[in-house]
């Protein structure tokens, strides 16, 4: 999807010139790599009762914003 307007771009994301969700995901992935995201949780691997192995990961996701949160940001743009 296209990004029309940035309201906040987080901490550590250099999003200058990024105008698509694909670009944002790539930028966030690079930021996680540079921040050694692996070190946040360490190695997580387990066997579950369904017989499958699972890993725990740290990730960046794009989700629809809660309208109350959007209103708060628009009402208080200086708070980052």
N, C-alpha and C. Protein backbone atom coordinates (compact mmCIF):
# COMPACT_ATOMS: atom_id res chain seq x y z
N UNK A 1 0.84 -1.18 0.00
CA UNK A 1 0.00 0.00 0.00
C UNK A 1 0.88 1.24 0.00
N UNK A 2 0.34 2.35 -0.44
CA UNK A 2 1.07 3.62 -0.46
C UNK A 2 0.91 4.34 0.87
N UNK A 3 1.97 4.96 1.33
CA UNK A 3 1.93 5.80 2.53
C UNK A 3 1.70 7.23 2.05
N UNK A 4 0.63 7.84 2.51
CA UNK A 4 0.25 9.18 2.06
C UNK A 4 0.91 10.26 2.92
N UNK A 5 0.95 10.05 4.25
CA UNK A 5 1.48 11.08 5.16
C UNK A 5 2.00 10.40 6.42
N UNK A 6 3.22 10.75 6.84
CA UNK A 6 3.78 10.26 8.08
C UNK A 6 3.30 11.13 9.23
N UNK A 7 2.79 10.54 10.30
CA UNK A 7 2.45 11.28 11.50
C UNK A 7 3.56 11.11 12.54
N UNK A 8 4.08 9.92 12.65
CA UNK A 8 5.24 9.62 13.49
C UNK A 8 6.00 8.50 12.81
N UNK A 9 7.31 8.53 12.91
CA UNK A 9 8.09 7.46 12.26
C UNK A 9 8.94 6.68 13.24
N UNK A 10 8.55 6.68 14.52
CA UNK A 10 9.20 5.83 15.50
C UNK A 10 10.59 6.29 15.88
N UNK A 11 11.27 5.45 16.62
CA UNK A 11 12.64 5.72 17.05
C UNK A 11 13.57 4.82 16.26
N UNK A 12 14.51 5.40 15.59
CA UNK A 12 15.51 4.61 14.91
C UNK A 12 15.16 4.22 13.49
N UNK A 13 13.95 4.52 13.04
CA UNK A 13 13.60 4.24 11.64
C UNK A 13 13.96 5.47 10.81
N UNK A 14 14.83 5.30 9.86
CA UNK A 14 15.15 6.37 8.93
C UNK A 14 14.24 6.18 7.73
N UNK A 15 13.07 6.77 7.79
CA UNK A 15 12.05 6.51 6.78
C UNK A 15 11.98 7.58 5.71
N UNK A 16 12.98 8.45 5.64
CA UNK A 16 12.99 9.48 4.60
C UNK A 16 12.88 8.82 3.23
N UNK A 17 11.92 9.26 2.46
CA UNK A 17 11.75 8.76 1.11
C UNK A 17 10.95 7.47 1.01
N UNK A 18 10.59 6.88 2.13
CA UNK A 18 9.79 5.64 2.09
C UNK A 18 8.33 6.02 1.94
N UNK A 19 7.69 5.47 0.91
CA UNK A 19 6.29 5.81 0.67
C UNK A 19 5.41 4.59 0.39
N UNK A 20 5.92 3.40 0.71
CA UNK A 20 5.11 2.18 0.56
C UNK A 20 5.27 1.32 1.81
N UNK A 21 4.28 0.46 2.04
CA UNK A 21 4.38 -0.46 3.17
C UNK A 21 5.53 -1.43 2.98
N UNK A 22 5.81 -1.81 1.75
CA UNK A 22 6.93 -2.71 1.48
C UNK A 22 8.25 -2.05 1.88
N UNK A 23 8.40 -0.77 1.55
CA UNK A 23 9.60 -0.03 1.93
C UNK A 23 9.72 0.10 3.44
N UNK A 24 8.59 0.32 4.11
CA UNK A 24 8.59 0.43 5.56
C UNK A 24 9.01 -0.89 6.20
N UNK A 25 8.48 -2.00 5.70
CA UNK A 25 8.85 -3.31 6.24
C UNK A 25 10.34 -3.58 6.06
N UNK A 26 10.88 -3.19 4.91
CA UNK A 26 12.31 -3.37 4.67
C UNK A 26 13.12 -2.49 5.62
N UNK A 27 12.70 -1.24 5.79
CA UNK A 27 13.38 -0.31 6.69
C UNK A 27 13.34 -0.84 8.13
N UNK A 28 12.19 -1.32 8.56
CA UNK A 28 12.04 -1.85 9.92
C UNK A 28 12.89 -3.11 10.10
N UNK A 29 12.92 -3.95 9.09
CA UNK A 29 13.74 -5.16 9.16
C UNK A 29 15.21 -4.81 9.32
N UNK A 30 15.67 -3.82 8.57
CA UNK A 30 17.06 -3.37 8.70
C UNK A 30 17.33 -2.81 10.09
N UNK A 31 16.36 -2.04 10.62
CA UNK A 31 16.53 -1.47 11.97
C UNK A 31 16.61 -2.59 13.01
N UNK A 32 15.77 -3.62 12.86
CA UNK A 32 15.82 -4.74 13.80
C UNK A 32 17.16 -5.47 13.70
N UNK A 33 17.65 -5.67 12.48
CA UNK A 33 18.95 -6.31 12.31
C UNK A 33 20.05 -5.48 12.96
N UNK A 34 20.03 -4.16 12.74
CA UNK A 34 21.06 -3.28 13.28
C UNK A 34 20.98 -3.19 14.80
N UNK A 35 19.78 -3.42 15.36
CA UNK A 35 19.61 -3.34 16.81
C UNK A 35 19.87 -4.68 17.48
N UNK A 36 20.33 -5.65 16.69
CA UNK A 36 20.57 -7.00 17.22
C UNK A 36 19.30 -7.54 17.89
N UNK A 37 18.18 -7.50 17.15
CA UNK A 37 16.89 -7.92 17.68
C UNK A 37 16.94 -9.33 18.27
N UNK A 38 17.82 -10.14 17.74
CA UNK A 38 17.99 -11.50 18.28
C UNK A 38 18.28 -11.45 19.78
N UNK A 39 19.04 -10.42 20.20
CA UNK A 39 19.43 -10.32 21.61
C UNK A 39 18.29 -9.92 22.53
N UNK A 40 17.20 -9.42 21.99
CA UNK A 40 16.07 -9.01 22.84
C UNK A 40 15.52 -10.20 23.61
N UNK A 41 15.29 -11.30 22.93
CA UNK A 41 14.70 -12.47 23.56
C UNK A 41 15.68 -13.64 23.66
N UNK A 42 16.75 -13.60 22.90
CA UNK A 42 17.62 -14.76 22.84
C UNK A 42 16.99 -15.83 21.97
N UNK A 43 17.55 -17.01 21.99
CA UNK A 43 17.05 -18.09 21.15
C UNK A 43 15.86 -18.76 21.83
N UNK A 44 14.74 -18.80 21.12
CA UNK A 44 13.53 -19.43 21.63
C UNK A 44 13.12 -20.54 20.67
N UNK A 45 13.15 -21.77 21.13
CA UNK A 45 12.78 -22.93 20.32
C UNK A 45 12.16 -23.95 21.26
N UNK A 46 11.00 -24.47 20.88
CA UNK A 46 10.38 -25.47 21.74
C UNK A 46 9.56 -26.47 20.94
N UNK A 47 9.37 -27.64 21.54
CA UNK A 47 8.52 -28.69 20.99
C UNK A 47 7.18 -28.61 21.70
N UNK A 48 6.11 -28.55 20.94
CA UNK A 48 4.77 -28.45 21.52
C UNK A 48 4.09 -29.81 21.53
N UNK A 49 2.97 -29.88 22.23
CA UNK A 49 2.25 -31.15 22.34
C UNK A 49 1.63 -31.62 21.03
N UNK A 50 1.67 -30.77 19.99
CA UNK A 50 1.19 -31.20 18.68
C UNK A 50 2.30 -31.87 17.86
N UNK A 51 3.48 -32.02 18.47
CA UNK A 51 4.59 -32.68 17.81
C UNK A 51 5.42 -31.77 16.91
N UNK A 52 5.08 -30.50 16.85
CA UNK A 52 5.80 -29.55 15.99
C UNK A 52 6.75 -28.71 16.84
N UNK A 53 7.80 -28.23 16.15
CA UNK A 53 8.75 -27.32 16.78
C UNK A 53 8.37 -25.88 16.43
N UNK A 54 8.52 -24.97 17.37
CA UNK A 54 8.19 -23.57 17.17
C UNK A 54 9.36 -22.70 17.62
N UNK A 55 9.52 -21.55 16.96
CA UNK A 55 10.52 -20.57 17.35
C UNK A 55 9.82 -19.28 17.75
N UNK A 56 10.42 -18.55 18.66
CA UNK A 56 9.94 -17.22 19.02
C UNK A 56 10.75 -16.19 18.27
N UNK A 57 10.07 -15.19 17.72
CA UNK A 57 10.76 -14.17 16.94
C UNK A 57 10.31 -12.77 17.37
N UNK A 58 11.14 -11.80 17.08
CA UNK A 58 10.80 -10.40 17.24
C UNK A 58 10.55 -9.86 15.85
N UNK A 59 9.43 -9.17 15.66
CA UNK A 59 9.09 -8.70 14.32
C UNK A 59 8.42 -7.34 14.36
N UNK A 60 8.33 -6.74 13.21
CA UNK A 60 7.62 -5.48 13.01
C UNK A 60 6.40 -5.79 12.15
N UNK A 61 5.23 -5.37 12.59
CA UNK A 61 4.00 -5.63 11.85
C UNK A 61 3.29 -4.32 11.56
N UNK A 62 2.59 -4.27 10.46
CA UNK A 62 1.74 -3.12 10.13
C UNK A 62 0.31 -3.54 10.40
N UNK A 63 -0.36 -2.84 11.31
CA UNK A 63 -1.74 -3.14 11.69
C UNK A 63 -2.56 -1.85 11.62
N UNK A 64 -3.86 -1.99 11.42
CA UNK A 64 -4.73 -0.82 11.40
C UNK A 64 -4.71 -0.16 12.78
N UNK A 65 -4.59 1.17 12.79
CA UNK A 65 -4.48 1.91 14.05
C UNK A 65 -5.84 2.06 14.72
N UNK A 66 -5.83 2.00 16.04
CA UNK A 66 -7.02 2.25 16.83
C UNK A 66 -7.40 3.72 16.68
N UNK A 67 -8.66 4.04 16.35
CA UNK A 67 -9.07 5.43 16.14
C UNK A 67 -8.78 6.34 17.34
N UNK A 68 -8.87 5.83 18.55
CA UNK A 68 -8.59 6.64 19.74
C UNK A 68 -7.11 7.04 19.77
N UNK A 69 -6.24 6.12 19.40
CA UNK A 69 -4.81 6.42 19.34
C UNK A 69 -4.52 7.48 18.28
N UNK A 70 -5.14 7.35 17.11
CA UNK A 70 -4.94 8.32 16.03
C UNK A 70 -5.39 9.70 16.49
N UNK A 71 -6.55 9.78 17.12
CA UNK A 71 -7.06 11.07 17.60
C UNK A 71 -6.10 11.68 18.61
N UNK A 72 -5.57 10.86 19.51
CA UNK A 72 -4.63 11.36 20.52
C UNK A 72 -3.37 11.92 19.86
N UNK A 73 -2.85 11.22 18.86
CA UNK A 73 -1.65 11.70 18.14
C UNK A 73 -1.95 13.00 17.42
N UNK A 74 -3.09 13.07 16.75
CA UNK A 74 -3.44 14.30 16.02
C UNK A 74 -3.68 15.47 16.97
N UNK A 75 -4.22 15.18 18.16
CA UNK A 75 -4.47 16.23 19.15
C UNK A 75 -3.20 16.67 19.86
N UNK A 76 -2.16 15.83 19.87
CA UNK A 76 -0.92 16.12 20.59
C UNK A 76 0.28 15.80 19.70
N UNK A 77 0.45 16.51 18.60
CA UNK A 77 1.50 16.16 17.64
C UNK A 77 2.93 16.35 18.18
N UNK A 78 3.11 17.18 19.20
CA UNK A 78 4.45 17.43 19.71
C UNK A 78 4.96 16.33 20.60
N UNK A 79 4.11 15.43 21.08
CA UNK A 79 4.52 14.35 21.97
C UNK A 79 4.98 13.15 21.16
N UNK A 80 6.28 12.95 21.09
CA UNK A 80 6.82 11.78 20.37
C UNK A 80 7.65 10.95 21.29
